[in-house]
Amino acid sequence: MTFHEYAQLVAAVSGALLGILALGGRLVYKPLKKSLEVFIDQRLRPIEDTLLELKPNGGSSVADRIVRLEERQSGIGQRLDDVYDLVKVIAAKE
């Protein structure tokens, strides 16, 4: 075989390999990419929903509920302090 024939053979094999790679990219890469996107989206959606619950939104988030509980607890503490002060006043009169 001459150099020219070897060059033609290398060019033909290289072209065939590039064609196979291009076709494989369409047949393998795109569906694989799509399925990975769906898989990642399914895994991240619950995390995103949980993170949204941690941000105040005007009433229904976990953060808003915690704020309401803290306010209620503070109010109960204030009422207990008032009752204690009243008991001290009554005890001092006796």
PDB file of N, CA and C in Angstrom:
ATOM      1  N   MET A   1       0.847  -1.180   0.000  1.00  0.00           N
ATOM      2  CA  MET A   1       0.000   0.000   0.000  1.00  0.00           C
ATOM      3  C   MET A   1       0.894   1.247   0.000  1.00  0.00           C
ATOM      4  N   THR A   2       0.410   2.189  -0.697  1.00  0.00           N
ATOM      5  CA  THR A   2       1.158   3.434  -0.767  1.00  0.00           C
ATOM      6  C   THR A   2       0.684   4.386   0.325  1.00  0.00           C
ATOM      7  N   PHE A   3       1.433   5.450   0.461  1.00  0.00           N
ATOM      8  CA  PHE A   3       1.084   6.456   1.452  1.00  0.00           C
ATOM      9  C   PHE A   3      -0.292   7.038   1.174  1.00  0.00           C
ATOM     10  N   HIS A   4      -0.602   7.258  -0.087  1.00  0.00           N
ATOM     11  CA  HIS A   4      -1.885   7.825  -0.483  1.00  0.00           C
ATOM     12  C   HIS A   4      -3.031   6.890  -0.083  1.00  0.00           C
ATOM     13  N   GLU A   5      -2.845   5.599  -0.254  1.00  0.00           N
ATOM     14  CA  GLU A   5      -3.878   4.633   0.117  1.00  0.00           C
ATOM     15  C   GLU A   5      -4.063   4.586   1.641  1.00  0.00           C
ATOM     16  N   TYR A   6      -2.941   4.665   2.406  1.00  0.00           N
ATOM     17  CA  TYR A   6      -3.025   4.707   3.867  1.00  0.00           C
ATOM     18  C   TYR A   6      -3.782   5.964   4.324  1.00  0.00           C
ATOM     19  N   ALA A   7      -3.495   7.084   3.697  1.00  0.00           N
ATOM     20  CA  ALA A   7      -4.158   8.341   4.041  1.00  0.00           C
ATOM     21  C   ALA A   7      -5.655   8.231   3.775  1.00  0.00           C
ATOM     22  N   GLN A   8      -6.036   7.596   2.657  1.00  0.00           N
ATOM     23  CA  GLN A   8      -7.453   7.412   2.356  1.00  0.00           C
ATOM     24  C   GLN A   8      -8.112   6.501   3.387  1.00  0.00           C
ATOM     25  N   LEU A   9      -7.409   5.453   3.789  1.00  0.00           N
ATOM     26  CA  LEU A   9      -7.936   4.514   4.785  1.00  0.00           C
ATOM     27  C   LEU A   9      -8.122   5.209   6.136  1.00  0.00           C
ATOM     28  N   VAL A  10      -7.121   5.997   6.546  1.00  0.00           N
ATOM     29  CA  VAL A  10      -7.227   6.729   7.810  1.00  0.00           C
ATOM     30  C   VAL A  10      -8.373   7.728   7.748  1.00  0.00           C
ATOM     31  N   ALA A  11      -8.518   8.418   6.641  1.00  0.00           N
ATOM     32  CA  ALA A  11      -9.604   9.382   6.488  1.00  0.00           C
ATOM     33  C   ALA A  11     -10.957   8.681   6.533  1.00  0.00           C
ATOM     34  N   ALA A  12     -11.080   7.540   5.901  1.00  0.00           N
ATOM     35  CA  ALA A  12     -12.342   6.808   5.902  1.00  0.00           C
ATOM     36  C   ALA A  12     -12.691   6.307   7.309  1.00  0.00           C
ATOM     37  N   VAL A  13     -11.716   5.749   8.007  1.00  0.00           N
ATOM     38  CA  VAL A  13     -11.956   5.252   9.370  1.00  0.00           C
ATOM     39  C   VAL A  13     -12.285   6.415  10.302  1.00  0.00           C
ATOM     40  N   SER A  14     -11.559   7.518  10.179  1.00  0.00           N
ATOM     41  CA  SER A  14     -11.819   8.691  11.017  1.00  0.00           C
ATOM     42  C   SER A  14     -13.217   9.237  10.758  1.00  0.00           C
ATOM     43  N   GLY A  15     -13.609   9.324   9.504  1.00  0.00           N
ATOM     44  CA  GLY A  15     -14.955   9.796   9.163  1.00  0.00           C
ATOM     45  C   GLY A  15     -16.029   8.884   9.728  1.00  0.00           C
ATOM     46  N   ALA A  16     -15.793   7.577   9.626  1.00  0.00           N
ATOM     47  CA  ALA A  16     -16.765   6.626  10.164  1.00  0.00           C
ATOM     48  C   ALA A  16     -16.877   6.764  11.687  1.00  0.00           C
ATOM     49  N   LEU A  17     -15.734   6.907  12.352  1.00  0.00           N
ATOM     50  CA  LEU A  17     -15.769   7.063  13.809  1.00  0.00           C
ATOM     51  C   LEU A  17     -16.469   8.349  14.224  1.00  0.00           C
ATOM     52  N   LEU A  18     -16.194   9.425  13.516  1.00  0.00           N
ATOM     53  CA  LEU A  18     -16.867  10.688  13.838  1.00  0.00           C
ATOM     54  C   LEU A  18     -18.365  10.588  13.596  1.00  0.00           C
ATOM     55  N   GLY A  19     -18.751   9.910  12.538  1.00  0.00           N
ATOM     56  CA  GLY A  19     -20.175   9.712  12.266  1.00  0.00           C
ATOM     57  C   GLY A  19     -20.844   8.895  13.357  1.00  0.00           C
ATOM     58  N   ILE A  20     -20.169   7.858  13.807  1.00  0.00           N
ATOM     59  CA  ILE A  20     -20.713   7.027  14.883  1.00  0.00           C
ATOM     60  C   ILE A  20     -20.832   7.834  16.170  1.00  0.00           C
ATOM     61  N   LEU A  21     -19.809   8.643  16.457  1.00  0.00           N
ATOM     62  CA  LEU A  21     -19.857   9.472  17.655  1.00  0.00           C
ATOM     63  C   LEU A  21     -20.982  10.500  17.591  1.00  0.00           C
ATOM     64  N   ALA A  22     -21.167  11.096  16.428  1.00  0.00           N
ATOM     65  CA  ALA A  22     -22.234  12.084  16.273  1.00  0.00           C
ATOM     66  C   ALA A  22     -23.600  11.433  16.433  1.00  0.00           C
ATOM     67  N   LEU A  23     -23.777  10.290  15.820  1.00  0.00           N
ATOM     68  CA  LEU A  23     -25.040   9.577  15.937  1.00  0.00           C
ATOM     69  C   LEU A  23     -25.248   9.104  17.377  1.00  0.00           C
ATOM     70  N   GLY A  24     -24.188   8.614  17.995  1.00  0.00           N
ATOM     71  CA  GLY A  24     -24.276   8.177  19.385  1.00  0.00           C
ATOM     72  C   GLY A  24     -24.617   9.328  20.308  1.00  0.00           C
ATOM     73  N   GLY A  25     -24.113  10.487  19.995  1.00  0.00           N
ATOM     74  CA  GLY A  25     -24.431  11.668  20.791  1.00  0.00           C
ATOM     75  C   GLY A  25     -25.911  11.972  20.757  1.00  0.00           C
ATOM     76  N   ARG A  26     -26.508  11.837  19.596  1.00  0.00           N
ATOM     77  CA  ARG A  26     -27.941  12.089  19.485  1.00  0.00           C
ATOM     78  C   ARG A  26     -28.759  10.992  20.136  1.00  0.00           C
ATOM     79  N   LEU A  27     -28.339   9.773  19.942  1.00  0.00           N
ATOM     80  CA  LEU A  27     -29.129   8.646  20.426  1.00  0.00           C
ATOM     81  C   LEU A  27     -28.896   8.340  21.902  1.00  0.00           C
ATOM     82  N   VAL A  28     -27.743   8.703  22.426  1.00  0.00           N
ATOM     83  CA  VAL A  28     -27.425   8.376  23.812  1.00  0.00           C
ATOM     84  C   VAL A  28     -27.390   9.622  24.690  1.00  0.00           C
ATOM     85  N   TYR A  29     -26.691  10.641  24.259  1.00  0.00           N
ATOM     86  CA  TYR A  29     -26.459  11.803  25.106  1.00  0.00           C
ATOM     87  C   TYR A  29     -27.755  12.561  25.420  1.00  0.00           C
ATOM     88  N   LYS A  30     -28.541  12.865  24.395  1.00  0.00           N
ATOM     89  CA  LYS A  30     -29.750  13.657  24.629  1.00  0.00           C
ATOM     90  C   LYS A  30     -30.756  12.936  25.529  1.00  0.00           C
ATOM     91  N   PRO A  31     -31.073  11.659  25.278  1.00  0.00           N
ATOM     92  CA  PRO A  31     -31.997  10.988  26.213  1.00  0.00           C
ATOM     93  C   PRO A  31     -31.416  10.851  27.621  1.00  0.00           C
ATOM     94  N   LEU A  32     -30.124  10.605  27.707  1.00  0.00           N
ATOM     95  CA  LEU A  32     -29.488  10.492  29.012  1.00  0.00           C
ATOM     96  C   LEU A  32     -29.544  11.825  29.747  1.00  0.00           C
ATOM     97  N   LYS A  33     -29.279  12.903  29.037  1.00  0.00           N
ATOM     98  CA  LYS A  33     -29.337  14.236  29.630  1.00  0.00           C
ATOM     99  C   LYS A  33     -30.755  14.541  30.115  1.00  0.00           C
ATOM    100  N   LYS A  34     -31.744  14.217  29.306  1.00  0.00           N
ATOM    101  CA  LYS A  34     -33.139  14.473  29.676  1.00  0.00           C
ATOM    102  C   LYS A  34     -33.530  13.663  30.911  1.00  0.00           C
ATOM    103  N   SER A  35     -33.159  12.391  30.952  1.00  0.00           N
ATOM    104  CA  SER A  35     -33.526  11.564  32.098  1.00  0.00           C
ATOM    105  C   SER A  35     -32.808  12.043  33.366  1.00  0.00           C
ATOM    106  N   LEU A  36     -31.570  12.503  33.236  1.00  0.00           N
ATOM    107  CA  LEU A  36     -30.856  13.045  34.392  1.00  0.00           C
ATOM    108  C   LEU A  36     -31.510  14.336  34.886  1.00  0.00           C
ATOM    109  N   GLU A  37     -31.964  15.186  33.967  1.00  0.00           N
ATOM    110  CA  GLU A  37     -32.647  16.414  34.359  1.00  0.00           C
ATOM    111  C   GLU A  37     -33.923  16.100  35.123  1.00  0.00           C
ATOM    112  N   VAL A  38     -34.683  15.112  34.640  1.00  0.00           N
ATOM    113  CA  VAL A  38     -35.920  14.717  35.316  1.00  0.00           C
ATOM    114  C   VAL A  38     -35.600  14.147  36.693  1.00  0.00           C
ATOM    115  N   PHE A  39     -34.587  13.298  36.775  1.00  0.00           N
ATOM    116  CA  PHE A  39     -34.192  12.685  38.042  1.00  0.00           C
ATOM    117  C   PHE A  39     -33.778  13.744  39.045  1.00  0.00           C
ATOM    118  N   ILE A  40     -32.946  14.687  38.624  1.00  0.00           N
ATOM    119  CA  ILE A  40     -32.474  15.749  39.519  1.00  0.00           C
ATOM    120  C   ILE A  40     -33.633  16.632  39.939  1.00  0.00           C
ATOM    121  N   ASP A  41     -34.527  16.948  39.011  1.00  0.00           N
ATOM    122  CA  ASP A  41     -35.686  17.776  39.339  1.00  0.00           C
ATOM    123  C   ASP A  41     -36.569  17.091  40.374  1.00  0.00           C
ATOM    124  N   GLN A  42     -36.759  15.789  40.244  1.00  0.00           N
ATOM    125  CA  GLN A  42     -37.563  15.051  41.214  1.00  0.00           C
ATOM    126  C   GLN A  42     -36.912  15.042  42.584  1.00  0.00           C
ATOM    127  N   ARG A  43     -35.604  15.011  42.638  1.00  0.00           N
ATOM    128  CA  ARG A  43     -34.893  14.997  43.919  1.00  0.00           C
ATOM    129  C   ARG A  43     -34.828  16.385  44.551  1.00  0.00           C
ATOM    130  N   LEU A  44     -34.730  17.432  43.738  1.00  0.00           N
ATOM    131  CA  LEU A  44     -34.583  18.778  44.271  1.00  0.00           C
ATOM    132  C   LEU A  44     -35.909  19.438  44.633  1.00  0.00           C
ATOM    133  N   ARG A  45     -36.992  19.035  44.007  1.00  0.00           N
ATOM    134  CA  ARG A  45     -38.287  19.677  44.263  1.00  0.00           C
ATOM    135  C   ARG A  45     -38.684  19.606  45.740  1.00  0.00           C
ATOM    136  N   PRO A  46     -38.587  18.434  46.418  1.00  0.00           N
ATOM    137  CA  PRO A  46     -38.935  18.419  47.846  1.00  0.00           C
ATOM    138  C   PRO A  46     -38.033  19.315  48.686  1.00  0.00           C
ATOM    139  N   ILE A  47     -36.772  19.408  48.321  1.00  0.00           N
ATOM    140  CA  ILE A  47     -35.855  20.286  49.056  1.00  0.00           C
ATOM    141  C   ILE A  47     -36.257  21.739  48.862  1.00  0.00           C
ATOM    142  N   GLU A  48     -36.598  22.109  47.642  1.00  0.00           N
ATOM    143  CA  GLU A  48     -37.034  23.487  47.378  1.00  0.00           C
ATOM    144  C   GLU A  48     -38.316  23.805  48.140  1.00  0.00           C
ATOM    145  N   ASP A  49     -39.250  22.855  48.171  1.00  0.00           N
ATOM    146  CA  ASP A  49     -40.502  23.067  48.901  1.00  0.00           C
ATOM    147  C   ASP A  49     -40.230  23.258  50.397  1.00  0.00           C
ATOM    148  N   THR A  50     -39.316  22.477  50.937  1.00  0.00           N
ATOM    149  CA  THR A  50     -38.969  22.602  52.355  1.00  0.00           C
ATOM    150  C   THR A  50     -38.327  23.956  52.631  1.00  0.00           C
ATOM    151  N   LEU A  51     -37.447  24.392  51.751  1.00  0.00           N
ATOM    152  CA  LEU A  51     -36.810  25.700  51.942  1.00  0.00           C
ATOM    153  C   LEU A  51     -37.828  26.829  51.882  1.00  0.00           C
ATOM    154  N   LEU A  52     -38.841  26.687  51.019  1.00  0.00           N
ATOM    155  CA  LEU A  52     -39.882  27.711  50.944  1.00  0.00           C
ATOM    156  C   LEU A  52     -40.677  27.778  52.243  1.00  0.00           C
ATOM    157  N   GLU A  53     -40.841  26.654  52.911  1.00  0.00           N
ATOM    158  CA  GLU A  53     -41.560  26.631  54.188  1.00  0.00           C
ATOM    159  C   GLU A  53     -40.807  27.391  55.273  1.00  0.00           C
ATOM    160  N   LEU A  54     -39.496  27.516  55.124  1.00  0.00           N
ATOM    161  CA  LEU A  54     -38.699  28.180  56.144  1.00  0.00           C
ATOM    162  C   LEU A  54     -38.678  29.699  55.988  1.00  0.00           C
ATOM    163  N   LYS A  55     -39.221  30.202  54.885  1.00  0.00           N
ATOM    164  CA  LYS A  55     -39.269  31.647  54.657  1.00  0.00           C
ATOM    165  C   LYS A  55     -40.654  32.167  55.029  1.00  0.00           C
ATOM    166  N   PRO A  56     -40.728  33.278  55.752  1.00  0.00           N
ATOM    167  CA  PRO A  56     -42.037  33.844  56.084  1.00  0.00           C
ATOM    168  C   PRO A  56     -42.796  34.232  54.814  1.00  0.00           C
ATOM    169  N   ASN A  57     -44.102  33.899  54.791  1.00  0.00           N
ATOM    170  CA  ASN A  57     -44.898  34.245  53.617  1.00  0.00           C
ATOM    171  C   ASN A  57     -46.219  34.893  53.994  1.00  0.00           C
ATOM    172  N   GLY A  58     -46.362  35.289  55.233  1.00  0.00           N
ATOM    173  CA  GLY A  58     -47.570  35.986  55.627  1.00  0.00           C
ATOM    174  C   GLY A  58     -48.553  35.135  56.403  1.00  0.00           C
ATOM    175  N   GLY A  59     -48.194  33.921  56.794  1.00  0.00           N
ATOM    176  CA  GLY A  59     -49.124  33.195  57.631  1.00  0.00           C
ATOM    177  C   GLY A  59     -49.001  31.692  57.665  1.00  0.00           C
ATOM    178  N   SER A  60     -48.741  31.048  56.549  1.00  0.00           N
ATOM    179  CA  SER A  60     -48.841  29.586  56.536  1.00  0.00           C
ATOM    180  C   SER A  60     -47.502  28.861  56.555  1.00  0.00           C
ATOM    181  N   SER A  61     -46.407  29.574  56.559  1.00  0.00           N
ATOM    182  CA  SER A  61     -45.110  28.894  56.550  1.00  0.00           C
ATOM    183  C   SER A  61     -44.701  28.495  57.966  1.00  0.00           C
ATOM    184  N   VAL A  62     -43.746  27.609  58.062  1.00  0.00           N
ATOM    185  CA  VAL A  62     -43.235  27.171  59.359  1.00  0.00           C
ATOM    186  C   VAL A  62     -42.647  28.357  60.117  1.00  0.00           C
ATOM    187  N   ALA A  63     -41.973  29.240  59.413  1.00  0.00           N
ATOM    188  CA  ALA A  63     -41.373  30.411  60.054  1.00  0.00           C
ATOM    189  C   ALA A  63     -42.453  31.288  60.698  1.00  0.00           C
ATOM    190  N   ASP A  64     -43.572  31.485  60.006  1.00  0.00           N
ATOM    191  CA  ASP A  64     -44.660  32.285  60.572  1.00  0.00           C
ATOM    192  C   ASP A  64     -45.270  31.603  61.795  1.00  0.00           C
ATOM    193  N   ARG A  65     -45.395  30.291  61.745  1.00  0.00           N
ATOM    194  CA  ARG A  65     -45.949  29.556  62.888  1.00  0.00           C
ATOM    195  C   ARG A  65     -45.036  29.678  64.103  1.00  0.00           C
ATOM    196  N   ILE A  66     -43.738  29.609  63.878  1.00  0.00           N
ATOM    197  CA  ILE A  66     -42.785  29.748  64.987  1.00  0.00           C
ATOM    198  C   ILE A  66     -42.892  31.140  65.602  1.00  0.00           C
ATOM    199  N   VAL A  67     -43.017  32.151  64.766  1.00  0.00           N
ATOM    200  CA  VAL A  67     -43.154  33.521  65.280  1.00  0.00           C
ATOM    201  C   VAL A  67     -44.408  33.632  66.135  1.00  0.00           C
ATOM    202  N   ARG A  68     -45.524  33.041  65.670  1.00  0.00           N
ATOM    203  CA  ARG A  68     -46.757  33.098  66.451  1.00  0.00           C
ATOM    204  C   ARG A  68     -46.600  32.366  67.788  1.00  0.00           C
ATOM    205  N   LEU A  69     -45.937  31.214  67.770  1.00  0.00           N
ATOM    206  CA  LEU A  69     -45.718  30.480  69.024  1.00  0.00           C
ATOM    207  C   LEU A  69     -44.863  31.283  69.995  1.00  0.00           C
ATOM    208  N   GLU A  70     -43.827  31.949  69.480  1.00  0.00           N
ATOM    209  CA  GLU A  70     -42.975  32.762  70.347  1.00  0.00           C
ATOM    210  C   GLU A  70     -43.761  33.921  70.945  1.00  0.00           C
ATOM    211  N   GLU A  71     -44.618  34.541  70.143  1.00  0.00           N
ATOM    212  CA  GLU A  71     -45.422  35.647  70.651  1.00  0.00           C
ATOM    213  C   GLU A  71     -46.396  35.159  71.721  1.00  0.00           C
ATOM    214  N   ARG A  72     -47.001  34.003  71.469  1.00  0.00           N
ATOM    215  CA  ARG A  72     -47.936  33.439  72.445  1.00  0.00           C
ATOM    216  C   ARG A  72     -47.206  33.085  73.740  1.00  0.00           C
ATOM    217  N   GLN A  73     -46.031  32.507  73.619  1.00  0.00           N
ATOM    218  CA  GLN A  73     -45.246  32.150  74.802  1.00  0.00           C
ATOM    219  C   GLN A  73     -44.867  33.398  75.593  1.00  0.00           C
ATOM    220  N   SER A  74     -44.498  34.446  74.893  1.00  0.00           N
ATOM    221  CA  SER A  74     -44.146  35.692  75.557  1.00  0.00           C
ATOM    222  C   SER A  74     -45.357  36.258  76.298  1.00  0.00           C
ATOM    223  N   GLY A  75     -46.532  36.181  75.692  1.00  0.00           N
ATOM    224  CA  GLY A  75     -47.754  36.666  76.348  1.00  0.00           C
ATOM    225  C   GLY A  75     -48.076  35.867  77.591  1.00  0.00           C
ATOM    226  N   ILE A  76     -47.909  34.548  77.528  1.00  0.00           N
ATOM    227  CA  ILE A  76     -48.158  33.703  78.699  1.00  0.00           C
ATOM    228  C   ILE A  76     -47.167  34.040  79.807  1.00  0.00           C
ATOM    229  N   GLY A  77     -45.918  34.248  79.449  1.00  0.00           N
ATOM    230  CA  GLY A  77     -44.901  34.623  80.438  1.00  0.00           C
ATOM    231  C   GLY A  77     -45.252  35.940  81.120  1.00  0.00           C
ATOM    232  N   GLN A  78     -45.745  36.893  80.352  1.00  0.00           N
ATOM    233  CA  GLN A  78     -46.126  38.190  80.927  1.00  0.00           C
ATOM    234  C   GLN A  78     -47.292  38.021  81.892  1.00  0.00           C
ATOM    235  N   ARG A  79     -48.283  37.191  81.519  1.00  0.00           N
ATOM    236  CA  ARG A  79     -49.421  36.955  82.408  1.00  0.00           C
ATOM    237  C   ARG A  79     -48.975  36.268  83.703  1.00  0.00           C
ATOM    238  N   LEU A  80     -48.043  35.330  83.614  1.00  0.00           N
ATOM    239  CA  LEU A  80     -47.528  34.681  84.822  1.00  0.00           C
ATOM    240  C   LEU A  80     -46.808  35.682  85.714  1.00  0.00           C
ATOM    241  N   ASP A  81     -46.070  36.595  85.108  1.00  0.00           N
ATOM    242  CA  ASP A  81     -45.398  37.638  85.895  1.00  0.00           C
ATOM    243  C   ASP A  81     -46.431  38.511  86.617  1.00  0.00           C
ATOM    244  N   ASP A  82     -47.533  38.840  85.920  1.00  0.00           N
ATOM    245  CA  ASP A  82     -48.585  39.656  86.536  1.00  0.00           C
ATOM    246  C   ASP A  82     -49.220  38.920  87.715  1.00  0.00           C
ATOM    247  N   VAL A  83     -49.477  37.616  87.541  1.00  0.00           N
ATOM    248  CA  VAL A  83     -50.063  36.822  88.621  1.00  0.00           C
ATOM    249  C   VAL A  83     -49.093  36.763  89.806  1.00  0.00           C
ATOM    250  N   TYR A  84     -47.828  36.589  89.545  1.00  0.00           N
ATOM    251  CA  TYR A  84     -46.824  36.553  90.614  1.00  0.00           C
ATOM    252  C   TYR A  84     -46.800  37.869  91.373  1.00  0.00           C
ATOM    253  N   ASP A  85     -46.831  38.983  90.623  1.00  0.00           N
ATOM    254  CA  ASP A  85     -46.848  40.301  91.278  1.00  0.00           C
ATOM    255  C   ASP A  85     -48.104  40.456  92.131  1.00  0.00           C
ATOM    256  N   LEU A  86     -49.243  39.993  91.660  1.00  0.00           N
ATOM    257  CA  LEU A  86     -50.488  40.082  92.408  1.00  0.00           C
ATOM    258  C   LEU A  86     -50.416  39.245  93.688  1.00  0.00           C
ATOM    259  N   VAL A  87     -49.837  38.051  93.589  1.00  0.00           N
ATOM    260  CA  VAL A  87     -49.679  37.205  94.776  1.00  0.00           C
ATOM    261  C   VAL A  87     -48.753  37.875  95.782  1.00  0.00           C
ATOM    262  N   LYS A  88     -47.706  38.529  95.331  1.00  0.00           N
ATOM    263  CA  LYS A  88     -46.806  39.242  96.242  1.00  0.00           C
ATOM    264  C   LYS A  88     -47.536  40.371  96.953  1.00  0.00           C
ATOM    265  N   VAL A  89     -48.389  41.090  96.236  1.00  0.00           N
ATOM    266  CA  VAL A  89     -49.134  42.202  96.844  1.00  0.00           C
ATOM    267  C   VAL A  89     -50.102  41.659  97.897  1.00  0.00           C
ATOM    268  N   ILE A  90     -50.785  40.566  97.556  1.00  0.00           N
ATOM    269  CA  ILE A  90     -51.723  39.990  98.526  1.00  0.00           C
ATOM    270  C   ILE A  90     -50.994  39.463  99.746  1.00  0.00           C
ATOM    271  N   ALA A  91     -49.859  38.811  99.524  1.00  0.00           N
ATOM    272  CA  ALA A  91     -49.084  38.272 100.641  1.00  0.00           C
ATOM    273  C   ALA A  91     -48.543  39.396 101.514  1.00  0.00           C
ATOM    274  N   ALA A  92     -48.215  40.538 100.943  1.00  0.00           N
ATOM    275  CA  ALA A  92     -47.672  41.650 101.720  1.00  0.00           C
ATOM    276  C   ALA A  92     -48.756  42.289 102.600  1.00  0.00           C
ATOM    277  N   LYS A  93     -50.028  42.244 102.174  1.00  0.00           N
ATOM    278  CA  LYS A  93     -51.116  42.822 102.947  1.00  0.00           C
ATOM    279  C   LYS A  93     -51.434  41.975 104.167  1.00  0.00           C
ATOM    280  N   GLU A  94     -51.137  40.712 104.118  1.00  0.00           N
ATOM    281  CA  GLU A  94     -51.487  39.838 105.241  1.00  0.00           C
ATOM    282  C   GLU A  94     -50.489  39.903 106.316  1.00  0.00           C
TER     283      GLU A  94
END
